[in-house]
Amino acid sequence: MRPSSFVFLGALGLGGGGCIAEIHEERLFGAPRTVVESKSETIEERRVDESNQGSSACRDVTVIYPMVRDVTVQRYFADDAQDRNFALAVLLGMGVGFLEYGTNQAACSAKTGACPDFAPVTAAEVALLALSAIPLGFIGYNAIRVQDRRTFEYVTPKWTPGPWVPCREPK
């Protein structure tokens, strides 16, 4: 078989291989918490109390901001692309081994039965070895993409209202 045939067969195998894996992710949220920069402010909220002839009612509202929560992003493979990438890399690597074995056996002397220590490397072996690097690269790329990560996100400020009371008149 010509080396170009091996390249074609290897490229055909890559087309049916796994390549880039589909990844699903889940986001796990922690409880809201304050940070070092958080501040607490008390503001006065007013409203017109219709039940008490239009008088004003007030309450103090304590607001704590900014608030954050921890987020853990868990990722996992949704398909078997990594398995196919691994299988393709192994098959191509085994092909290199078989070609090397065949080249070594072909170099053996039929009369003496002596075989050389090292057989010359053929173009087909180099091509298969180069093709096996492609699924190995995708295995590494997918492994990096699927890593979990931790981060935080801002949430709405904590809002603690007090009881409604009649408003004090300003002095």
Protein backbone atom coordinates (compact mmCIF):
# COMPACT_ATOMS: atom_id res chain seq x y z
CA MET A 1 0.00 0.00 0.00
CA ARG A 2 1.29 3.47 -0.84
CA PRO A 3 1.88 6.04 1.93
CA SER A 4 -0.74 8.34 0.42
CA SER A 5 -3.31 5.57 0.91
CA PHE A 6 -2.51 5.49 4.63
CA VAL A 7 -2.90 9.25 4.85
CA PHE A 8 -6.27 9.02 3.10
CA LEU A 9 -7.47 6.20 5.37
CA GLY A 10 -6.27 8.09 8.43
CA ALA A 11 -8.07 11.27 7.35
CA LEU A 12 -11.20 9.21 6.68
CA GLY A 13 -10.96 7.76 10.19
CA LEU A 14 -10.62 11.24 11.68
CA GLY A 15 -13.81 12.32 9.94
CA GLY A 16 -15.71 9.57 11.74
CA GLY A 17 -13.84 10.12 15.01
CA GLY A 18 -14.80 12.14 18.03
CA CYS A 19 -12.93 15.43 17.68
CA ILE A 20 -14.52 18.14 19.84
CA ALA A 21 -16.66 16.76 22.66
CA GLU A 22 -20.03 18.18 23.64
CA ILE A 23 -19.87 19.48 27.19
CA HIS A 24 -22.76 20.15 29.56
CA GLU A 25 -22.45 22.31 32.62
CA GLU A 26 -24.31 22.73 35.86
CA ARG A 27 -24.13 25.83 38.02
CA LEU A 28 -24.31 25.35 41.79
CA PHE A 29 -25.06 28.53 43.74
CA GLY A 30 -24.00 29.27 47.31
CA ALA A 31 -25.80 31.47 49.81
CA PRO A 32 -25.51 35.26 49.43
CA ARG A 33 -22.77 36.80 51.57
CA THR A 34 -21.06 40.11 52.16
CA VAL A 35 -17.58 41.01 51.01
CA VAL A 36 -14.95 43.27 52.54
CA GLU A 37 -16.20 46.23 50.50
CA SER A 38 -19.83 45.78 51.64
CA LYS A 39 -21.57 48.76 53.21
CA SER A 40 -24.71 49.09 55.25
CA GLU A 41 -27.01 52.10 54.81
CA THR A 42 -30.29 52.93 56.47
CA ILE A 43 -32.77 54.89 54.38
CA GLU A 44 -36.23 56.16 55.19
CA GLU A 45 -39.12 54.94 53.05
CA ARG A 46 -42.38 56.94 52.96
CA ARG A 47 -45.83 56.11 51.72
CA VAL A 48 -49.25 57.65 51.97
CA ASP A 49 -51.45 55.67 54.35
CA GLU A 50 -54.91 55.72 52.74
CA SER A 51 -56.51 53.95 55.70
CA ASN A 52 -55.55 56.83 58.03
CA GLN A 53 -57.00 59.84 56.09
CA GLY A 54 -54.00 60.32 53.83
CA SER A 55 -51.37 60.64 56.54
CA SER A 56 -47.85 59.52 55.83
CA ALA A 57 -46.30 56.31 57.12
CA CYS A 58 -42.55 55.78 57.32
CA ARG A 59 -40.15 52.99 58.01
CA ASP A 60 -36.40 52.55 58.12
CA VAL A 61 -34.94 50.17 55.56
CA THR A 62 -31.43 48.79 56.04
CA VAL A 63 -29.67 47.95 52.79
CA ILE A 64 -26.41 45.98 52.68
CA TYR A 65 -24.51 46.08 49.37
CA PRO A 66 -22.71 44.66 47.45
CA MET A 67 -23.68 41.06 48.11
CA VAL A 68 -22.14 38.12 46.29
CA ARG A 69 -22.64 34.38 46.11
CA ASP A 70 -20.21 31.66 45.19
CA VAL A 71 -20.87 29.77 41.98
CA THR A 72 -19.37 26.38 41.17
CA VAL A 73 -19.56 25.48 37.49
CA GLN A 74 -19.37 21.71 37.05
CA ARG A 75 -18.75 20.47 33.52
CA TYR A 76 -18.97 16.95 32.14
CA PHE A 77 -18.87 15.21 28.78
CA ALA A 78 -22.28 14.73 27.17
CA ASP A 79 -21.17 12.32 24.47
CA ASP A 80 -18.50 9.70 23.84
CA ALA A 81 -16.20 11.86 21.70
CA GLN A 82 -13.28 11.42 24.11
CA ASP A 83 -13.62 7.64 23.87
CA ARG A 84 -13.58 7.82 20.09
CA ASN A 85 -10.56 10.15 20.13
CA PHE A 86 -8.71 7.74 22.40
CA ALA A 87 -9.65 4.71 20.30
CA LEU A 88 -8.55 6.44 17.11
CA ALA A 89 -5.20 7.45 18.64
CA VAL A 90 -4.62 3.88 19.84
CA LEU A 91 -5.53 2.39 16.46
CA LEU A 92 -3.24 4.76 14.61
CA GLY A 93 -0.44 4.08 17.10
CA MET A 94 -0.92 0.34 16.67
CA GLY A 95 -0.77 0.84 12.91
CA VAL A 96 2.64 2.45 13.33
CA GLY A 97 3.76 -0.53 15.43
CA PHE A 98 2.53 -3.06 12.87
CA LEU A 99 4.18 -1.20 10.01
CA GLU A 100 7.45 -1.06 11.93
CA TYR A 101 7.21 -4.78 12.68
CA GLY A 102 6.44 -5.56 9.03
CA THR A 103 9.35 -3.40 7.81
CA ASN A 104 11.68 -5.11 10.27
CA GLN A 105 10.52 -8.57 9.17
CA ALA A 106 10.93 -7.64 5.51
CA ALA A 107 14.52 -6.61 6.18
CA CYS A 108 15.37 -10.03 7.63
CA SER A 109 17.63 -12.26 5.59
CA ALA A 110 15.88 -15.38 4.30
CA LYS A 111 19.16 -17.33 4.11
CA THR A 112 20.65 -16.56 7.51
CA GLY A 113 17.52 -15.60 9.40
CA ALA A 114 19.36 -12.58 10.84
CA CYS A 115 17.35 -9.39 11.34
CA PRO A 116 18.76 -5.89 11.69
CA ASP A 117 18.42 -4.13 15.05
CA PHE A 118 16.57 -1.19 13.55
CA ALA A 119 14.56 -1.08 10.37
CA PRO A 120 14.40 2.15 8.40
CA VAL A 121 11.40 4.38 9.14
CA THR A 122 8.93 4.51 6.25
CA ALA A 123 6.81 7.44 5.10
CA ALA A 124 3.65 5.52 6.01
CA GLU A 125 4.83 5.21 9.61
CA VAL A 126 5.56 8.93 9.79
CA ALA A 127 2.16 9.75 8.28
CA LEU A 128 0.31 7.50 10.76
CA LEU A 129 2.29 8.91 13.65
CA ALA A 130 1.40 12.46 12.55
CA LEU A 131 -2.26 11.50 12.20
CA SER A 132 -2.30 9.96 15.68
CA ALA A 133 -1.22 13.33 17.09
CA ILE A 134 -4.52 14.88 15.94
CA PRO A 135 -6.87 12.86 18.20
CA LEU A 136 -4.33 13.20 21.03
CA GLY A 137 -4.52 16.97 20.59
CA PHE A 138 -8.33 16.84 20.76
CA ILE A 139 -8.14 14.71 23.92
CA GLY A 140 -6.02 17.40 25.56
CA TYR A 141 -8.20 20.23 24.25
CA ASN A 142 -11.40 18.59 25.52
CA ALA A 143 -9.78 17.81 28.88
CA ILE A 144 -8.95 21.50 29.35
CA ARG A 145 -12.47 22.59 28.34
CA VAL A 146 -14.21 20.24 30.79
CA GLN A 147 -12.43 21.55 33.91
CA ASP A 148 -14.68 22.75 36.74
CA ARG A 149 -14.27 26.30 37.94
CA ARG A 150 -15.33 28.45 40.84
CA THR A 151 -16.33 32.08 40.65
CA PHE A 152 -18.73 34.50 42.27
CA GLU A 153 -21.51 36.72 41.04
CA TYR A 154 -23.19 39.79 42.41
CA VAL A 155 -26.74 39.42 43.75
CA THR A 156 -29.38 41.91 44.81
CA PRO A 157 -28.56 43.81 47.99
CA LYS A 158 -29.93 42.56 51.30
CA TRP A 159 -32.99 44.64 52.12
CA THR A 160 -34.31 44.62 55.71
CA PRO A 161 -37.41 46.80 56.25
CA GLY A 162 -38.54 47.96 59.67
CA PRO A 163 -42.16 48.37 60.85
CA TRP A 164 -44.41 51.12 59.42
CA VAL A 165 -44.88 53.98 61.88
CA PRO A 166 -46.37 57.47 61.57
CA CYS A 167 -43.82 59.87 60.12
CA ARG A 168 -42.11 62.39 62.35
CA GLU A 169 -42.54 65.94 61.22
CA PRO A 170 -39.28 67.64 60.26
CA LYS A 171 -38.07 70.27 62.72
